[in-house]
Amino acid sequence: MKAWTALLCLLLALPRLASAEDEPIATDRPDFVESSDVVGKGRVQLETSLAWARDRQGSLKTRETSTPTLLRLGIADAWELRLETDGRMRLTTDDGSARTRERGWSDLSFGLKWHQRDGDEATGTPGLGWLFHLDADTGSGPFRGQGVRPSLRMVAEWEFAGGWSLGVMPGLYRDRDEAGRHFTGGILAAVVGKSLGDRTRVFVELSGEQLAAARHGGSVTTLDMGIAYLLSNDVQIDAAVSRGLNRNAPDWSWTVGLSLRY
């Protein structure tokens, strides 16, 4: 236990020693809408978390635990490479007569982000970013997708007086349904944020992470809210809760996270 505590303290200290004069860390969590910013050339950023989801449909209850993690590598001033996964997964299903438990690893997603331009509060010009990802079928058991699934998202971010902000993220993805048929689905989310001083940010978000016809699995929409707090310019902790707005989304989900920039 002492060794793990010492390691955690070291991980928290290293980012502070690395860049005390930098701008505060900009993360892609805990909201669904990504940031338009990249980490910067030569920088490494780790965003990791624990997440829980609960759902009930009639007599069927499901509980899911995951460890969503994103690794961001700055390869140029406006470009970054990304490796993302939901990590270690545990799914418990209870239909009233029997309970099953499944464990495994989720798929890996390989991505690239381009920061097209900075925003300008004076003129109302939004910051713009583009993200291209390839989800690969590298997971295990029930957590494995079908084949390689590409997605493209655009992020627009506006900054307003008083610490208010607005982010919008439309996108498209390509996937296969349970019958193996290829289809194209949509992504659309919007988040309103408010800075409470220099270190704290809160947000409310409407998220459509999956917009598809019923024959292709249907849409998944949620209402999200959360908070992020800067321990230093390079260390952020956060928490969020989501309420499902349709039958395909979990009734409730929660997450707590830690982000480190090196």
Protein backbone atom coordinates (compact mmCIF):
# COMPACT_ATOMS: atom_id res chain seq x y z
CA MET A 1 0.00 0.00 0.00
CA LYS A 2 2.83 2.40 0.84
CA ALA A 3 4.43 1.71 -2.54
CA TRP A 4 1.19 2.50 -4.40
CA THR A 5 0.74 5.71 -2.39
CA ALA A 6 4.29 6.80 -3.20
CA LEU A 7 3.77 6.07 -6.90
CA LEU A 8 0.55 8.10 -6.99
CA CYS A 9 2.26 11.04 -5.28
CA LEU A 10 5.08 10.87 -7.83
CA LEU A 11 2.65 10.84 -10.77
CA LEU A 12 0.87 13.89 -9.38
CA ALA A 13 4.13 15.74 -8.74
CA LEU A 14 5.82 15.15 -12.10
CA PRO A 15 3.41 17.27 -14.18
CA ARG A 16 3.73 20.19 -11.76
CA LEU A 17 7.51 20.08 -12.04
CA ALA A 18 7.32 19.85 -15.82
CA SER A 19 5.55 23.06 -16.77
CA ALA A 20 4.50 25.39 -14.00
CA GLU A 21 4.18 28.34 -16.43
CA ASP A 22 2.02 26.63 -19.10
CA GLU A 23 -1.64 27.33 -19.79
CA PRO A 24 -3.97 25.11 -17.72
CA ILE A 25 -4.58 21.62 -19.02
CA ALA A 26 -7.46 21.25 -21.53
CA THR A 27 -9.03 17.79 -21.38
CA ASP A 28 -11.56 15.84 -23.43
CA ARG A 29 -13.37 14.72 -20.28
CA PRO A 30 -15.60 14.41 -18.33
CA ASP A 31 -18.17 15.74 -20.84
CA PHE A 32 -18.87 13.89 -24.12
CA VAL A 33 -18.08 16.91 -26.31
CA GLU A 34 -14.35 16.93 -27.00
CA SER A 35 -12.09 19.97 -26.66
CA SER A 36 -10.96 21.62 -29.91
CA ASP A 37 -7.47 22.03 -28.41
CA VAL A 38 -4.52 19.67 -28.80
CA VAL A 39 -1.84 18.98 -26.19
CA GLY A 40 1.03 20.66 -28.07
CA LYS A 41 4.16 19.38 -29.77
CA GLY A 42 6.20 17.02 -27.62
CA ARG A 43 3.60 16.85 -24.85
CA VAL A 44 1.90 13.73 -23.45
CA GLN A 45 -1.46 13.75 -21.71
CA LEU A 46 -3.16 10.86 -19.91
CA GLU A 47 -6.88 11.05 -19.09
CA THR A 48 -8.16 8.06 -17.13
CA SER A 49 -11.21 7.28 -15.01
CA LEU A 50 -13.60 4.84 -13.41
CA ALA A 51 -17.14 4.62 -14.77
CA TRP A 52 -20.32 2.84 -13.71
CA ALA A 53 -23.64 2.36 -15.53
CA ARG A 54 -26.97 0.99 -14.30
CA ASP A 55 -30.02 0.08 -16.40
CA ARG A 56 -33.38 -1.65 -15.90
CA GLN A 57 -35.84 -2.77 -18.55
CA GLY A 58 -38.71 -4.71 -17.04
CA SER A 59 -37.25 -7.56 -14.99
CA LEU A 60 -33.83 -7.27 -16.68
CA LYS A 61 -31.18 -5.38 -14.72
CA THR A 62 -27.66 -4.65 -15.95
CA ARG A 63 -24.66 -3.12 -14.21
CA GLU A 64 -21.45 -2.20 -16.01
CA THR A 65 -18.08 -1.03 -14.71
CA SER A 66 -15.32 0.27 -16.98
CA THR A 67 -12.05 2.21 -16.91
CA PRO A 68 -12.18 4.72 -19.81
CA THR A 69 -8.68 5.95 -20.69
CA LEU A 70 -7.32 8.30 -23.35
CA LEU A 71 -3.64 8.81 -24.19
CA ARG A 72 -2.82 11.94 -26.23
CA LEU A 73 0.57 12.49 -27.90
CA GLY A 74 1.45 15.89 -29.40
CA ILE A 75 3.21 15.39 -32.76
CA ALA A 76 2.96 19.03 -33.92
CA ASP A 77 1.62 22.35 -32.67
CA ALA A 78 -1.81 21.62 -34.20
CA TRP A 79 -1.84 17.79 -34.34
CA GLU A 80 -2.02 14.95 -31.84
CA LEU A 81 -2.17 11.17 -31.95
CA ARG A 82 -4.72 9.45 -29.73
CA LEU A 83 -5.17 5.98 -28.22
CA GLU A 84 -8.50 5.46 -26.48
CA THR A 85 -10.30 2.57 -24.80
CA ASP A 86 -12.99 1.82 -22.23
CA GLY A 87 -10.36 -0.42 -20.64
CA ARG A 88 -11.20 -3.23 -18.26
CA MET A 89 -14.91 -4.08 -18.35
CA ARG A 90 -17.25 -5.94 -16.03
CA LEU A 91 -20.90 -6.61 -16.93
CA THR A 92 -23.49 -8.10 -14.57
CA THR A 93 -26.91 -9.13 -15.92
CA ASP A 94 -29.85 -10.20 -13.74
CA ASP A 95 -33.18 -11.25 -15.31
CA GLY A 96 -34.85 -12.13 -12.02
CA SER A 97 -34.13 -15.84 -12.26
CA ALA A 98 -30.41 -15.95 -12.98
CA ARG A 99 -27.40 -13.67 -12.70
CA THR A 100 -24.45 -13.71 -15.10
CA ARG A 101 -21.13 -11.93 -14.85
CA GLU A 102 -18.76 -11.24 -17.73
CA ARG A 103 -15.31 -9.66 -17.62
CA GLY A 104 -12.91 -8.61 -20.33
CA TRP A 105 -11.28 -5.78 -22.25
CA SER A 106 -12.92 -3.27 -24.55
CA ASP A 107 -11.81 -2.36 -28.06
CA LEU A 108 -8.98 0.06 -28.81
CA SER A 109 -9.54 3.24 -30.81
CA PHE A 110 -6.72 4.88 -32.77
CA GLY A 111 -7.21 8.56 -33.54
CA LEU A 112 -5.87 11.82 -34.89
CA LYS A 113 -6.93 15.34 -33.86
CA TRP A 114 -6.33 18.57 -35.79
CA HIS A 115 -6.77 21.96 -34.10
CA GLN A 116 -7.83 24.09 -37.06
CA ARG A 117 -7.96 27.46 -35.32
CA ASP A 118 -8.23 29.27 -31.99
CA GLY A 119 -11.41 31.01 -30.94
CA ASP A 120 -11.79 34.76 -30.47
CA GLU A 121 -14.17 35.95 -27.76
CA ALA A 122 -14.14 39.54 -29.06
CA THR A 123 -15.46 38.58 -32.51
CA GLY A 124 -17.47 35.53 -31.49
CA THR A 125 -15.32 33.24 -33.64
CA PRO A 126 -15.32 29.66 -32.35
CA GLY A 127 -12.26 27.49 -31.91
CA LEU A 128 -12.41 24.55 -34.31
CA GLY A 129 -11.04 21.03 -34.12
CA TRP A 130 -11.43 17.82 -36.12
CA LEU A 131 -11.13 14.23 -34.86
CA PHE A 132 -10.77 11.07 -36.94
CA HIS A 133 -10.87 7.71 -35.13
CA LEU A 134 -10.69 4.04 -36.09
CA ASP A 135 -12.21 1.65 -33.55
CA ALA A 136 -10.61 -1.80 -33.93
CA ASP A 137 -12.10 -5.14 -32.88
CA THR A 138 -9.40 -5.85 -30.29
CA GLY A 139 -11.66 -6.41 -27.28
CA SER A 140 -12.74 -9.65 -25.64
CA GLY A 141 -16.02 -11.55 -25.43
CA PRO A 142 -19.17 -9.39 -25.36
CA PHE A 143 -17.12 -6.19 -25.37
CA ARG A 144 -15.70 -6.73 -28.87
CA GLY A 145 -17.10 -4.82 -31.83
CA GLN A 146 -17.37 -5.99 -35.42
CA GLY A 147 -14.44 -5.04 -37.63
CA VAL A 148 -12.87 -1.60 -37.96
CA ARG A 149 -15.32 1.29 -37.44
CA PRO A 150 -14.30 4.80 -38.57
CA SER A 151 -15.73 8.04 -37.17
CA LEU A 152 -15.29 11.75 -37.95
CA ARG A 153 -16.22 14.57 -35.56
CA MET A 154 -15.98 18.34 -35.69
CA VAL A 155 -15.80 20.47 -32.53
CA ALA A 156 -16.74 24.15 -32.33
CA GLU A 157 -16.11 26.03 -29.04
CA TRP A 158 -17.24 29.54 -28.13
CA GLU A 159 -16.01 31.53 -25.12
CA PHE A 160 -18.23 34.26 -23.64
CA ALA A 161 -17.93 36.91 -20.96
CA GLY A 162 -18.41 35.86 -17.36
CA GLY A 163 -16.73 32.48 -17.79
CA TRP A 164 -19.49 30.96 -19.93
CA SER A 165 -18.73 28.64 -22.83
CA LEU A 166 -20.56 26.62 -25.48
CA GLY A 167 -19.33 23.55 -27.31
CA VAL A 168 -21.02 21.73 -30.19
CA MET A 169 -19.86 18.43 -31.71
CA PRO A 170 -21.54 16.91 -34.79
CA GLY A 171 -20.14 13.79 -36.40
CA LEU A 172 -20.61 10.58 -38.37
CA TYR A 173 -19.57 7.00 -37.74
CA ARG A 174 -19.61 3.72 -39.67
CA ASP A 175 -20.53 0.47 -37.92
CA ARG A 176 -22.23 -2.91 -38.25
CA ASP A 177 -25.49 -3.93 -36.59
CA GLU A 178 -26.21 -7.29 -34.93
CA ALA A 179 -27.09 -8.79 -38.33
CA GLY A 180 -23.69 -7.78 -39.70
CA ARG A 181 -25.09 -5.04 -41.98
CA HIS A 182 -22.99 -1.91 -42.47
CA PHE A 183 -24.66 1.39 -41.64
CA THR A 184 -23.79 5.05 -41.08
CA GLY A 185 -24.92 6.75 -37.88
CA GLY A 186 -24.76 10.26 -36.50
CA ILE A 187 -23.23 11.99 -33.48
CA LEU A 188 -24.51 15.28 -32.07
CA ALA A 189 -23.88 16.85 -28.67
CA ALA A 190 -23.85 20.30 -27.12
CA VAL A 191 -22.39 21.42 -23.78
CA VAL A 192 -22.74 24.65 -21.80
CA GLY A 193 -19.94 25.32 -19.32
CA LYS A 194 -19.30 27.87 -16.58
CA SER A 195 -15.98 28.67 -14.92
CA LEU A 196 -16.18 29.21 -11.16
CA GLY A 197 -12.90 31.00 -10.58
CA ASP A 198 -9.57 29.93 -12.03
CA ARG A 199 -9.69 26.27 -11.05
CA THR A 200 -13.28 25.01 -11.23
CA ARG A 201 -15.57 24.39 -14.19
CA VAL A 202 -19.10 22.99 -14.21
CA PHE A 203 -21.16 21.93 -17.21
CA VAL A 204 -24.53 20.67 -18.45
CA GLU A 205 -24.70 18.69 -21.67
CA LEU A 206 -27.16 17.10 -24.07
CA SER A 207 -25.44 14.15 -25.72
CA GLY A 208 -26.44 12.02 -28.70
CA GLU A 209 -23.45 9.69 -28.84
CA GLN A 210 -25.28 7.32 -31.17
CA LEU A 211 -28.01 8.43 -33.59
CA ALA A 212 -29.21 5.49 -35.68
CA ALA A 213 -32.35 3.80 -36.97
CA ALA A 214 -34.03 1.21 -34.74
CA ARG A 215 -32.99 -1.63 -37.08
CA HIS A 216 -29.35 -0.62 -36.50
CA GLY A 217 -29.52 -0.51 -32.70
CA GLY A 218 -31.36 2.78 -32.21
CA SER A 219 -30.19 6.05 -30.71
CA VAL A 220 -28.46 6.65 -27.38
CA THR A 221 -29.12 10.06 -25.82
CA THR A 222 -28.28 11.34 -22.32
CA LEU A 223 -28.41 14.45 -20.17
CA ASP A 224 -25.06 14.97 -18.46
CA MET A 225 -23.69 17.28 -15.79
CA GLY A 226 -20.40 17.44 -13.99
CA ILE A 227 -17.48 19.34 -12.50
CA ALA A 228 -13.73 19.58 -13.16
CA TYR A 229 -11.15 20.98 -10.74
CA LEU A 230 -7.51 21.91 -11.42
CA LEU A 231 -5.07 20.71 -8.77
CA SER A 232 -2.36 22.44 -10.84
CA ASN A 233 -1.92 23.58 -14.44
CA ASP A 234 -1.10 19.97 -15.37
CA VAL A 235 -3.40 17.94 -13.10
CA GLN A 236 -7.20 17.80 -13.22
CA ILE A 237 -9.74 15.75 -11.26
CA ASP A 238 -13.38 15.52 -12.32
CA ALA A 239 -16.73 13.85 -11.79
CA ALA A 240 -19.92 13.59 -13.84
CA VAL A 241 -23.34 11.93 -13.81
CA SER A 242 -25.60 11.09 -16.76
CA ARG A 243 -29.31 10.35 -17.02
CA GLY A 244 -30.51 8.26 -19.97
CA LEU A 245 -33.19 9.94 -22.08
CA ASN A 246 -34.30 6.90 -24.07
CA ARG A 247 -34.51 3.13 -23.61
CA ASN A 248 -31.19 2.43 -25.37
CA ALA A 249 -29.20 4.58 -22.92
CA PRO A 250 -28.36 3.39 -19.39
CA ASP A 251 -30.77 4.76 -16.80
CA TRP A 252 -27.87 6.25 -14.83
CA SER A 253 -24.11 6.42 -15.24
CA TRP A 254 -21.32 8.01 -13.17
CA THR A 255 -17.64 8.70 -13.64
CA VAL A 256 -14.69 10.06 -11.69
CA GLY A 257 -11.44 10.88 -13.44
CA LEU A 258 -7.85 12.04 -13.25
CA SER A 259 -5.93 13.80 -16.06
CA LEU A 260 -2.15 14.35 -16.12
CA ARG A 261 -0.08 16.37 -18.59
CA TYR A 262 3.65 15.82 -19.06
